[in-house]
Amino acid sequence: MTLTAAEFLTLGAARQVAVQLDGGEILVRELSVSDRSLVLAMSEVDKARVPALVVRLCSINPDGTPMFNAGQDDAIAALRPDVVDAVARAVMLLGGMMVEEGEEKKD
């Protein structure tokens, strides 16, 4: 079956998952194509800041709006590594960029 443009665009809706953190949870969505470009560009300049960038780009409010803005990058980067890593890991797993230990990555 041939898809229309509208049908094709609905296929690309980002999946979401709740990440359990100390004292609560946050929602994250998978990286979009443009997000992935930003992450790849950042990884060439400053790999240490990539996890915080992923957290900023993909953390969302319940209504789907972004939780953070670019002005909060330093605050996110200053968080405990286990908090940032838990969120970044969930985003990578959701988007298939990473697999759980013992699983094989699907192409």
PDB file of N, CA and C in Angstrom:
ATOM      1  N   MET A   1       0.844  -1.176   0.000  1.00  0.00           N
ATOM      2  CA  MET A   1       0.000   0.000   0.000  1.00  0.00           C
ATOM      3  C   MET A   1       0.893   1.244   0.000  1.00  0.00           C
ATOM      4  N   THR A   2       0.608   2.164  -0.860  1.00  0.00           N
ATOM      5  CA  THR A   2       1.350   3.413  -0.949  1.00  0.00           C
ATOM      6  C   THR A   2       0.791   4.407   0.067  1.00  0.00           C
ATOM      7  N   LEU A   3       1.685   5.008   0.852  1.00  0.00           N
ATOM      8  CA  LEU A   3       1.273   5.966   1.876  1.00  0.00           C
ATOM      9  C   LEU A   3       1.145   7.364   1.296  1.00  0.00           C
ATOM     10  N   THR A   4       0.239   8.127   1.853  1.00  0.00           N
ATOM     11  CA  THR A   4       0.151   9.551   1.527  1.00  0.00           C
ATOM     12  C   THR A   4       1.164  10.290   2.402  1.00  0.00           C
ATOM     13  N   ALA A   5       1.393  11.553   2.115  1.00  0.00           N
ATOM     14  CA  ALA A   5       2.304  12.357   2.932  1.00  0.00           C
ATOM     15  C   ALA A   5       1.831  12.406   4.381  1.00  0.00           C
ATOM     16  N   ALA A   6       0.549  12.597   4.590  1.00  0.00           N
ATOM     17  CA  ALA A   6       0.006  12.662   5.950  1.00  0.00           C
ATOM     18  C   ALA A   6       0.215  11.342   6.689  1.00  0.00           C
ATOM     19  N   GLU A   7       0.009  10.232   6.005  1.00  0.00           N
ATOM     20  CA  GLU A   7       0.203   8.918   6.624  1.00  0.00           C
ATOM     21  C   GLU A   7       1.680   8.690   6.955  1.00  0.00           C
ATOM     22  N   PHE A   8       2.549   9.098   6.035  1.00  0.00           N
ATOM     23  CA  PHE A   8       3.983   8.951   6.270  1.00  0.00           C
ATOM     24  C   PHE A   8       4.420   9.749   7.497  1.00  0.00           C
ATOM     25  N   LEU A   9       3.938  10.974   7.619  1.00  0.00           N
ATOM     26  CA  LEU A   9       4.334  11.817   8.749  1.00  0.00           C
ATOM     27  C   LEU A   9       3.858  11.263  10.083  1.00  0.00           C
ATOM     28  N   THR A  10       2.749  10.554  10.114  1.00  0.00           N
ATOM     29  CA  THR A  10       2.293   9.957  11.374  1.00  0.00           C
ATOM     30  C   THR A  10       3.185   8.794  11.789  1.00  0.00           C
ATOM     31  N   LEU A  11       3.851   8.167  10.833  1.00  0.00           N
ATOM     32  CA  LEU A  11       4.780   7.082  11.159  1.00  0.00           C
ATOM     33  C   LEU A  11       5.960   7.602  11.964  1.00  0.00           C
ATOM     34  N   GLY A  12       6.291   8.850  11.760  1.00  0.00           N
ATOM     35  CA  GLY A  12       7.464   9.432  12.393  1.00  0.00           C
ATOM     36  C   GLY A  12       7.223  10.029  13.761  1.00  0.00           C
ATOM     37  N   ALA A  13       6.033   9.884  14.303  1.00  0.00           N
ATOM     38  CA  ALA A  13       5.759  10.435  15.633  1.00  0.00           C
ATOM     39  C   ALA A  13       6.685   9.773  16.655  1.00  0.00           C
ATOM     40  N   ALA A  14       7.352  10.574  17.437  1.00  0.00           N
ATOM     41  CA  ALA A  14       8.329  10.076  18.406  1.00  0.00           C
ATOM     42  C   ALA A  14       7.668   9.240  19.484  1.00  0.00           C
ATOM     43  N   ARG A  15       8.285   8.113  19.769  1.00  0.00           N
ATOM     44  CA  ARG A  15       7.823   7.275  20.885  1.00  0.00           C
ATOM     45  C   ARG A  15       8.272   7.917  22.192  1.00  0.00           C
ATOM     46  N   GLN A  16       7.544   7.619  23.245  1.00  0.00           N
ATOM     47  CA  GLN A  16       7.834   8.190  24.559  1.00  0.00           C
ATOM     48  C   GLN A  16       7.916   7.080  25.600  1.00  0.00           C
ATOM     49  N   VAL A  17       8.640   7.366  26.666  1.00  0.00           N
ATOM     50  CA  VAL A  17       8.736   6.437  27.785  1.00  0.00           C
ATOM     51  C   VAL A  17       8.960   7.250  29.066  1.00  0.00           C
ATOM     52  N   ALA A  18       8.479   6.723  30.181  1.00  0.00           N
ATOM     53  CA  ALA A  18       8.720   7.348  31.487  1.00  0.00           C
ATOM     54  C   ALA A  18      10.013   6.778  32.066  1.00  0.00           C
ATOM     55  N   VAL A  19      10.837   7.652  32.624  1.00  0.00           N
ATOM     56  CA  VAL A  19      12.088   7.248  33.251  1.00  0.00           C
ATOM     57  C   VAL A  19      11.942   7.446  34.756  1.00  0.00           C
ATOM     58  N   GLN A  20      12.167   6.385  35.500  1.00  0.00           N
ATOM     59  CA  GLN A  20      12.080   6.438  36.952  1.00  0.00           C
ATOM     60  C   GLN A  20      13.365   7.025  37.522  1.00  0.00           C
ATOM     61  N   LEU A  21      13.228   8.072  38.320  1.00  0.00           N
ATOM     62  CA  LEU A  21      14.357   8.727  38.961  1.00  0.00           C
ATOM     63  C   LEU A  21      14.083   8.825  40.453  1.00  0.00           C
ATOM     64  N   ASP A  22      15.066   9.272  41.210  1.00  0.00           N
ATOM     65  CA  ASP A  22      14.868   9.473  42.651  1.00  0.00           C
ATOM     66  C   ASP A  22      13.667  10.374  42.890  1.00  0.00           C
ATOM     67  N   GLY A  23      12.665   9.867  43.532  1.00  0.00           N
ATOM     68  CA  GLY A  23      11.525  10.695  43.907  1.00  0.00           C
ATOM     69  C   GLY A  23      10.512  10.956  42.817  1.00  0.00           C
ATOM     70  N   GLY A  24      10.591  10.313  41.691  1.00  0.00           N
ATOM     71  CA  GLY A  24       9.584  10.548  40.663  1.00  0.00           C
ATOM     72  C   GLY A  24       9.998  10.011  39.311  1.00  0.00           C
ATOM     73  N   GLU A  25       9.361  10.546  38.295  1.00  0.00           N
ATOM     74  CA  GLU A  25       9.664  10.122  36.936  1.00  0.00           C
ATOM     75  C   GLU A  25       9.536  11.302  35.987  1.00  0.00           C
ATOM     76  N   ILE A  26      10.195  11.197  34.850  1.00  0.00           N
ATOM     77  CA  ILE A  26      10.027  12.185  33.791  1.00  0.00           C
ATOM     78  C   ILE A  26       9.750  11.444  32.492  1.00  0.00           C
ATOM     79  N   LEU A  27       9.123  12.143  31.574  1.00  0.00           N
ATOM     80  CA  LEU A  27       8.871  11.580  30.251  1.00  0.00           C
ATOM     81  C   LEU A  27       9.987  11.991  29.311  1.00  0.00           C
ATOM     82  N   VAL A  28      10.394  11.058  28.475  1.00  0.00           N
ATOM     83  CA  VAL A  28      11.353  11.364  27.419  1.00  0.00           C
ATOM     84  C   VAL A  28      10.806  10.831  26.107  1.00  0.00           C
ATOM     85  N   ARG A  29      11.250  11.464  25.029  1.00  0.00           N
ATOM     86  CA  ARG A  29      10.899  11.002  23.695  1.00  0.00           C
ATOM     87  C   ARG A  29      12.185  10.625  22.989  1.00  0.00           C
ATOM     88  N   GLU A  30      12.046   9.874  21.918  1.00  0.00           N
ATOM     89  CA  GLU A  30      13.245   9.518  21.180  1.00  0.00           C
ATOM     90  C   GLU A  30      13.772  10.722  20.400  1.00  0.00           C
ATOM     91  N   LEU A  31      15.026  10.648  19.996  1.00  0.00           N
ATOM     92  CA  LEU A  31      15.636  11.717  19.205  1.00  0.00           C
ATOM     93  C   LEU A  31      14.971  11.824  17.838  1.00  0.00           C
ATOM     94  N   SER A  32      14.781  13.043  17.381  1.00  0.00           N
ATOM     95  CA  SER A  32      14.315  13.261  16.011  1.00  0.00           C
ATOM     96  C   SER A  32      15.554  13.292  15.105  1.00  0.00           C
ATOM     97  N   VAL A  33      15.340  13.358  13.820  1.00  0.00           N
ATOM     98  CA  VAL A  33      16.461  13.454  12.879  1.00  0.00           C
ATOM     99  C   VAL A  33      17.272  14.716  13.148  1.00  0.00           C
ATOM    100  N   SER A  34      16.602  15.844  13.371  1.00  0.00           N
ATOM    101  CA  SER A  34      17.345  17.091  13.633  1.00  0.00           C
ATOM    102  C   SER A  34      18.066  17.030  14.984  1.00  0.00           C
ATOM    103  N   ASP A  35      17.450  16.393  15.987  1.00  0.00           N
ATOM    104  CA  ASP A  35      18.119  16.214  17.284  1.00  0.00           C
ATOM    105  C   ASP A  35      19.386  15.387  17.113  1.00  0.00           C
ATOM    106  N   ARG A  36      19.264  14.317  16.348  1.00  0.00           N
ATOM    107  CA  ARG A  36      20.403  13.436  16.133  1.00  0.00           C
ATOM    108  C   ARG A  36      21.559  14.200  15.481  1.00  0.00           C
ATOM    109  N   SER A  37      21.249  15.100  14.564  1.00  0.00           N
ATOM    110  CA  SER A  37      22.293  15.922  13.934  1.00  0.00           C
ATOM    111  C   SER A  37      22.994  16.806  14.964  1.00  0.00           C
ATOM    112  N   LEU A  38      22.219  17.394  15.867  1.00  0.00           N
ATOM    113  CA  LEU A  38      22.809  18.219  16.924  1.00  0.00           C
ATOM    114  C   LEU A  38      23.717  17.393  17.834  1.00  0.00           C
ATOM    115  N   VAL A  39      23.264  16.196  18.179  1.00  0.00           N
ATOM    116  CA  VAL A  39      24.043  15.316  19.050  1.00  0.00           C
ATOM    117  C   VAL A  39      25.343  14.902  18.358  1.00  0.00           C
ATOM    118  N   LEU A  40      25.262  14.546  17.084  1.00  0.00           N
ATOM    119  CA  LEU A  40      26.466  14.157  16.346  1.00  0.00           C
ATOM    120  C   LEU A  40      27.441  15.327  16.240  1.00  0.00           C
ATOM    121  N   ALA A  41      26.935  16.520  15.993  1.00  0.00           N
ATOM    122  CA  ALA A  41      27.801  17.703  15.918  1.00  0.00           C
ATOM    123  C   ALA A  41      28.457  17.969  17.264  1.00  0.00           C
ATOM    124  N   MET A  42      27.708  17.857  18.352  1.00  0.00           N
ATOM    125  CA  MET A  42      28.262  18.079  19.690  1.00  0.00           C
ATOM    126  C   MET A  42      29.312  17.027  20.013  1.00  0.00           C
ATOM    127  N   SER A  43      29.103  15.792  19.575  1.00  0.00           N
ATOM    128  CA  SER A  43      30.061  14.731  19.883  1.00  0.00           C
ATOM    129  C   SER A  43      31.421  14.981  19.227  1.00  0.00           C
ATOM    130  N   GLU A  44      31.439  15.742  18.140  1.00  0.00           N
ATOM    131  CA  GLU A  44      32.701  16.086  17.490  1.00  0.00           C
ATOM    132  C   GLU A  44      33.419  17.223  18.215  1.00  0.00           C
ATOM    133  N   VAL A  45      32.665  18.037  18.951  1.00  0.00           N
ATOM    134  CA  VAL A  45      33.230  19.207  19.619  1.00  0.00           C
ATOM    135  C   VAL A  45      33.508  18.932  21.099  1.00  0.00           C
ATOM    136  N   ASP A  46      32.551  18.321  21.806  1.00  0.00           N
ATOM    137  CA  ASP A  46      32.656  18.130  23.258  1.00  0.00           C
ATOM    138  C   ASP A  46      31.819  16.922  23.675  1.00  0.00           C
ATOM    139  N   LYS A  47      32.402  15.731  23.581  1.00  0.00           N
ATOM    140  CA  LYS A  47      31.682  14.490  23.883  1.00  0.00           C
ATOM    141  C   LYS A  47      31.122  14.464  25.300  1.00  0.00           C
ATOM    142  N   ALA A  48      31.787  15.122  26.217  1.00  0.00           N
ATOM    143  CA  ALA A  48      31.343  15.108  27.611  1.00  0.00           C
ATOM    144  C   ALA A  48      29.976  15.775  27.794  1.00  0.00           C
ATOM    145  N   ARG A  49      29.614  16.667  26.894  1.00  0.00           N
ATOM    146  CA  ARG A  49      28.342  17.381  27.020  1.00  0.00           C
ATOM    147  C   ARG A  49      27.181  16.693  26.293  1.00  0.00           C
ATOM    148  N   VAL A  50      27.461  15.616  25.582  1.00  0.00           N
ATOM    149  CA  VAL A  50      26.418  14.936  24.822  1.00  0.00           C
ATOM    150  C   VAL A  50      25.286  14.408  25.713  1.00  0.00           C
ATOM    151  N   PRO A  51      25.560  13.722  26.818  1.00  0.00           N
ATOM    152  CA  PRO A  51      24.433  13.226  27.628  1.00  0.00           C
ATOM    153  C   PRO A  51      23.498  14.346  28.107  1.00  0.00           C
ATOM    154  N   ALA A  52      24.057  15.475  28.522  1.00  0.00           N
ATOM    155  CA  ALA A  52      23.220  16.588  28.971  1.00  0.00           C
ATOM    156  C   ALA A  52      22.407  17.164  27.808  1.00  0.00           C
ATOM    157  N   LEU A  53      22.984  17.209  26.621  1.00  0.00           N
ATOM    158  CA  LEU A  53      22.250  17.678  25.449  1.00  0.00           C
ATOM    159  C   LEU A  53      21.084  16.744  25.149  1.00  0.00           C
ATOM    160  N   VAL A  54      21.319  15.454  25.227  1.00  0.00           N
ATOM    161  CA  VAL A  54      20.248  14.478  24.991  1.00  0.00           C
ATOM    162  C   VAL A  54      19.118  14.670  26.006  1.00  0.00           C
ATOM    163  N   VAL A  55      19.478  14.895  27.260  1.00  0.00           N
ATOM    164  CA  VAL A  55      18.464  15.140  28.301  1.00  0.00           C
ATOM    165  C   VAL A  55      17.650  16.373  27.947  1.00  0.00           C
ATOM    166  N   ARG A  56      18.317  17.456  27.564  1.00  0.00           N
ATOM    167  CA  ARG A  56      17.590  18.680  27.227  1.00  0.00           C
ATOM    168  C   ARG A  56      16.682  18.497  26.024  1.00  0.00           C
ATOM    169  N   LEU A  57      17.179  17.874  24.994  1.00  0.00           N
ATOM    170  CA  LEU A  57      16.402  17.736  23.763  1.00  0.00           C
ATOM    171  C   LEU A  57      15.192  16.820  23.915  1.00  0.00           C
ATOM    172  N   CYS A  58      15.306  15.801  24.753  1.00  0.00           N
ATOM    173  CA  CYS A  58      14.285  14.742  24.759  1.00  0.00           C
ATOM    174  C   CYS A  58      13.404  14.678  25.998  1.00  0.00           C
ATOM    175  N   SER A  59      13.695  15.445  27.028  1.00  0.00           N
ATOM    176  CA  SER A  59      12.823  15.468  28.210  1.00  0.00           C
ATOM    177  C   SER A  59      11.611  16.335  27.891  1.00  0.00           C
ATOM    178  N   ILE A  60      10.439  15.799  28.146  1.00  0.00           N
ATOM    179  CA  ILE A  60       9.207  16.516  27.796  1.00  0.00           C
ATOM    180  C   ILE A  60       8.243  16.574  28.959  1.00  0.00           C
ATOM    181  N   ASN A  61       7.384  17.574  28.909  1.00  0.00           N
ATOM    182  CA  ASN A  61       6.282  17.692  29.859  1.00  0.00           C
ATOM    183  C   ASN A  61       5.173  16.731  29.430  1.00  0.00           C
ATOM    184  N   PRO A  62       4.209  16.460  30.311  1.00  0.00           N
ATOM    185  CA  PRO A  62       3.112  15.549  29.942  1.00  0.00           C
ATOM    186  C   PRO A  62       2.348  15.958  28.683  1.00  0.00           C
ATOM    187  N   ASP A  63       2.333  17.254  28.363  1.00  0.00           N
ATOM    188  CA  ASP A  63       1.630  17.698  27.150  1.00  0.00           C
ATOM    189  C   ASP A  63       2.504  17.618  25.894  1.00  0.00           C
ATOM    190  N   GLY A  64       3.731  17.105  26.048  1.00  0.00           N
ATOM    191  CA  GLY A  64       4.624  16.924  24.914  1.00  0.00           C
ATOM    192  C   GLY A  64       5.552  18.088  24.634  1.00  0.00           C
ATOM    193  N   THR A  65       5.398  19.185  25.353  1.00  0.00           N
ATOM    194  CA  THR A  65       6.276  20.340  25.152  1.00  0.00           C
ATOM    195  C   THR A  65       7.633  20.081  25.814  1.00  0.00           C
ATOM    196  N   PRO A  66       8.684  20.742  25.340  1.00  0.00           N
ATOM    197  CA  PRO A  66      10.009  20.538  25.929  1.00  0.00           C
ATOM    198  C   PRO A  66      10.031  20.937  27.407  1.00  0.00           C
ATOM    199  N   MET A  67      10.710  20.138  28.210  1.00  0.00           N
ATOM    200  CA  MET A  67      10.850  20.422  29.629  1.00  0.00           C
ATOM    201  C   MET A  67      11.926  21.477  29.865  1.00  0.00           C
ATOM    202  N   PHE A  68      12.971  21.450  29.055  1.00  0.00           N
ATOM    203  CA  PHE A  68      14.113  22.338  29.235  1.00  0.00           C
ATOM    204  C   PHE A  68      14.350  23.191  27.997  1.00  0.00           C
ATOM    205  N   ASN A  69      15.107  24.275  28.189  1.00  0.00           N
ATOM    206  CA  ASN A  69      15.524  25.108  27.053  1.00  0.00           C
ATOM    207  C   ASN A  69      17.052  25.188  27.049  1.00  0.00           C
ATOM    208  N   ALA A  70      17.611  25.738  25.985  1.00  0.00           N
ATOM    209  CA  ALA A  70      19.063  25.797  25.824  1.00  0.00           C
ATOM    210  C   ALA A  70      19.752  26.549  26.959  1.00  0.00           C
ATOM    211  N   GLY A  71      19.049  27.480  27.576  1.00  0.00           N
ATOM    212  CA  GLY A  71      19.617  28.221  28.690  1.00  0.00           C
ATOM    213  C   GLY A  71      19.843  27.372  29.936  1.00  0.00           C
ATOM    214  N   GLN A  72      19.318  26.154  29.934  1.00  0.00           N
ATOM    215  CA  GLN A  72      19.463  25.268  31.090  1.00  0.00           C
ATOM    216  C   GLN A  72      20.526  24.182  30.881  1.00  0.00           C
ATOM    217  N   ASP A  73      21.257  24.258  29.794  1.00  0.00           N
ATOM    218  CA  ASP A  73      22.274  23.245  29.500  1.00  0.00           C
ATOM    219  C   ASP A  73      23.283  23.086  30.632  1.00  0.00           C
ATOM    220  N   ASP A  74      23.796  24.194  31.160  1.00  0.00           N
ATOM    221  CA  ASP A  74      24.798  24.116  32.225  1.00  0.00           C
ATOM    222  C   ASP A  74      24.214  23.510  33.493  1.00  0.00           C
ATOM    223  N   ALA A  75      22.968  23.833  33.804  1.00  0.00           N
ATOM    224  CA  ALA A  75      22.322  23.260  34.992  1.00  0.00           C
ATOM    225  C   ALA A  75      22.144  21.751  34.844  1.00  0.00           C
ATOM    226  N   ILE A  76      21.781  21.314  33.656  1.00  0.00           N
ATOM    227  CA  ILE A  76      21.639  19.878  33.417  1.00  0.00           C
ATOM    228  C   ILE A  76      23.004  19.200  33.513  1.00  0.00           C
ATOM    229  N   ALA A  77      24.014  19.803  32.916  1.00  0.00           N
ATOM    230  CA  ALA A  77      25.365  19.234  32.936  1.00  0.00           C
ATOM    231  C   ALA A  77      25.940  19.158  34.346  1.00  0.00           C
ATOM    232  N   ALA A  78      25.423  19.985  35.267  1.00  0.00           N
ATOM    233  CA  ALA A  78      25.919  19.996  36.639  1.00  0.00           C
ATOM    234  C   ALA A  78      25.247  18.942  37.526  1.00  0.00           C
ATOM    235  N   LEU A  79      24.244  18.245  37.005  1.00  0.00           N
ATOM    236  CA  LEU A  79      23.564  17.218  37.782  1.00  0.00           C
ATOM    237  C   LEU A  79      24.462  16.005  38.006  1.00  0.00           C
ATOM    238  N   ARG A  80      24.032  15.148  38.943  1.00  0.00           N
ATOM    239  CA  ARG A  80      24.764  13.906  39.184  1.00  0.00           C
ATOM    240  C   ARG A  80      24.802  13.073  37.909  1.00  0.00           C
ATOM    241  N   PRO A  81      25.937  12.471  37.600  1.00  0.00           N
ATOM    242  CA  PRO A  81      26.044  11.657  36.389  1.00  0.00           C
ATOM    243  C   PRO A  81      25.006  10.534  36.306  1.00  0.00           C
ATOM    244  N   ASP A  82      24.665   9.916  37.431  1.00  0.00           N
ATOM    245  CA  ASP A  82      23.713   8.804  37.355  1.00  0.00           C
ATOM    246  C   ASP A  82      22.328   9.269  36.919  1.00  0.00           C
ATOM    247  N   VAL A  83      21.946  10.497  37.254  1.00  0.00           N
ATOM    248  CA  VAL A  83      20.652  11.031  36.839  1.00  0.00           C
ATOM    249  C   VAL A  83      20.655  11.315  35.341  1.00  0.00           C
ATOM    250  N   VAL A  84      21.663  12.040  34.885  1.00  0.00           N
ATOM    251  CA  VAL A  84      21.770  12.372  33.464  1.00  0.00           C
ATOM    252  C   VAL A  84      21.915  11.097  32.632  1.00  0.00           C
ATOM    253  N   ASP A  85      22.756  10.178  33.087  1.00  0.00           N
ATOM    254  CA  ASP A  85      22.984   8.939  32.340  1.00  0.00           C
ATOM    255  C   ASP A  85      21.724   8.078  32.254  1.00  0.00           C
ATOM    256  N   ALA A  86      20.912   8.050  33.303  1.00  0.00           N
ATOM    257  CA  ALA A  86      19.675   7.258  33.281  1.00  0.00           C
ATOM    258  C   ALA A  86      18.718   7.776  32.211  1.00  0.00           C
ATOM    259  N   VAL A  87      18.603   9.093  32.115  1.00  0.00           N
ATOM    260  CA  VAL A  87      17.704   9.686  31.118  1.00  0.00           C
ATOM    261  C   VAL A  87      18.265   9.492  29.716  1.00  0.00           C
ATOM    262  N   ALA A  88      19.553   9.786  29.527  1.00  0.00           N
ATOM    263  CA  ALA A  88      20.175   9.627  28.207  1.00  0.00           C
ATOM    264  C   ALA A  88      20.105   8.175  27.746  1.00  0.00           C
ATOM    265  N   ARG A  89      20.314   7.255  28.646  1.00  0.00           N
ATOM    266  CA  ARG A  89      20.240   5.823  28.310  1.00  0.00           C
ATOM    267  C   ARG A  89      18.836   5.446  27.845  1.00  0.00           C
ATOM    268  N   ALA A  90      17.821   5.934  28.542  1.00  0.00           N
ATOM    269  CA  ALA A  90      16.437   5.638  28.149  1.00  0.00           C
ATOM    270  C   ALA A  90      16.143   6.161  26.751  1.00  0.00           C
ATOM    271  N   VAL A  91      16.643   7.350  26.432  1.00  0.00           N
ATOM    272  CA  VAL A  91      16.441   7.926  25.099  1.00  0.00           C
ATOM    273  C   VAL A  91      17.128   7.055  24.047  1.00  0.00           C
ATOM    274  N   MET A  92      18.359   6.644  24.316  1.00  0.00           N
ATOM    275  CA  MET A  92      19.099   5.825  23.360  1.00  0.00           C
ATOM    276  C   MET A  92      18.448   4.454  23.164  1.00  0.00           C
ATOM    277  N   LEU A  93      17.960   3.864  24.239  1.00  0.00           N
ATOM    278  CA  LEU A  93      17.261   2.584  24.126  1.00  0.00           C
ATOM    279  C   LEU A  93      15.977   2.734  23.325  1.00  0.00           C
ATOM    280  N   LEU A  94      15.236   3.781  23.595  1.00  0.00           N
ATOM    281  CA  LEU A  94      13.962   4.027  22.918  1.00  0.00           C
ATOM    282  C   LEU A  94      14.161   4.183  21.415  1.00  0.00           C
ATOM    283  N   GLY A  95      15.223   4.858  21.029  1.00  0.00           N
ATOM    284  CA  GLY A  95      15.483   5.103  19.617  1.00  0.00           C
ATOM    285  C   GLY A  95      16.274   4.005  18.926  1.00  0.00           C
ATOM    286  N   GLY A  96      16.591   2.929  19.650  1.00  0.00           N
ATOM    287  CA  GLY A  96      17.330   1.834  19.048  1.00  0.00           C
ATOM    288  C   GLY A  96      18.802   2.122  18.820  1.00  0.00           C
ATOM    289  N   MET A  97      19.303   3.169  19.444  1.00  0.00           N
ATOM    290  CA  MET A  97      20.711   3.523  19.287  1.00  0.00           C
ATOM    291  C   MET A  97      21.581   2.757  20.275  1.00  0.00           C
ATOM    292  N   MET A  98      20.937   2.032  21.174  1.00  0.00           N
ATOM    293  CA  MET A  98      21.626   1.278  22.209  1.00  0.00           C
ATOM    294  C   MET A  98      20.717   0.103  22.545  1.00  0.00           C
ATOM    295  N   VAL A  99      21.279  -0.986  23.004  1.00  0.00           N
ATOM    296  CA  VAL A  99      20.474  -2.134  23.404  1.00  0.00           C
ATOM    297  C   VAL A  99      20.797  -2.506  24.843  1.00  0.00           C
ATOM    298  N   GLU A 100      19.859  -3.176  25.471  1.00  0.00           N
ATOM    299  CA  GLU A 100      20.093  -3.677  26.824  1.00  0.00           C
ATOM    300  C   GLU A 100      21.225  -4.694  26.774  1.00  0.00           C
ATOM    301  N   GLU A 101      21.944  -4.814  27.863  1.00  0.00           N
ATOM    302  CA  GLU A 101      23.033  -5.770  27.923  1.00  0.00           C
ATOM    303  C   GLU A 101      22.502  -7.171  27.647  1.00  0.00           C
ATOM    304  N   GLY A 102      23.192  -7.908  26.807  1.00  0.00           N
ATOM    305  CA  GLY A 102      22.778  -9.257  26.456  1.00  0.00           C
ATOM    306  C   GLY A 102      21.881  -9.329  25.224  1.00  0.00           C
ATOM    307  N   GLU A 103      21.435  -8.203  24.708  1.00  0.00           N
ATOM    308  CA  GLU A 103      20.605  -8.177  23.498  1.00  0.00           C
ATOM    309  C   GLU A 103      21.464  -7.754  22.310  1.00  0.00           C
ATOM    310  N   GLU A 104      21.013  -8.108  21.120  1.00  0.00           N
ATOM    311  CA  GLU A 104      21.712  -7.689  19.914  1.00  0.00           C
ATOM    312  C   GLU A 104      20.992  -6.505  19.309  1.00  0.00           C
ATOM    313  N   LYS A 105      21.771  -5.549  18.799  1.00  0.00           N
ATOM    314  CA  LYS A 105      21.181  -4.382  18.136  1.00  0.00           C
ATOM    315  C   LYS A 105      20.574  -4.792  16.814  1.00  0.00           C
ATOM    316  N   LYS A 106      19.342  -4.289  16.549  1.00  0.00           N
ATOM    317  CA  LYS A 106      18.669  -4.566  15.288  1.00  0.00           C
ATOM    318  C   LYS A 106      19.013  -3.477  14.288  1.00  0.00           C
ATOM    319  N   ASP A 107      19.263  -3.866  13.065  1.00  0.00           N
ATOM    320  CA  ASP A 107      19.580  -2.868  12.032  1.00  0.00           C
ATOM    321  C   ASP A 107      18.361  -2.218  11.486  1.00  0.00           C
TER     322      ASP A 107
END
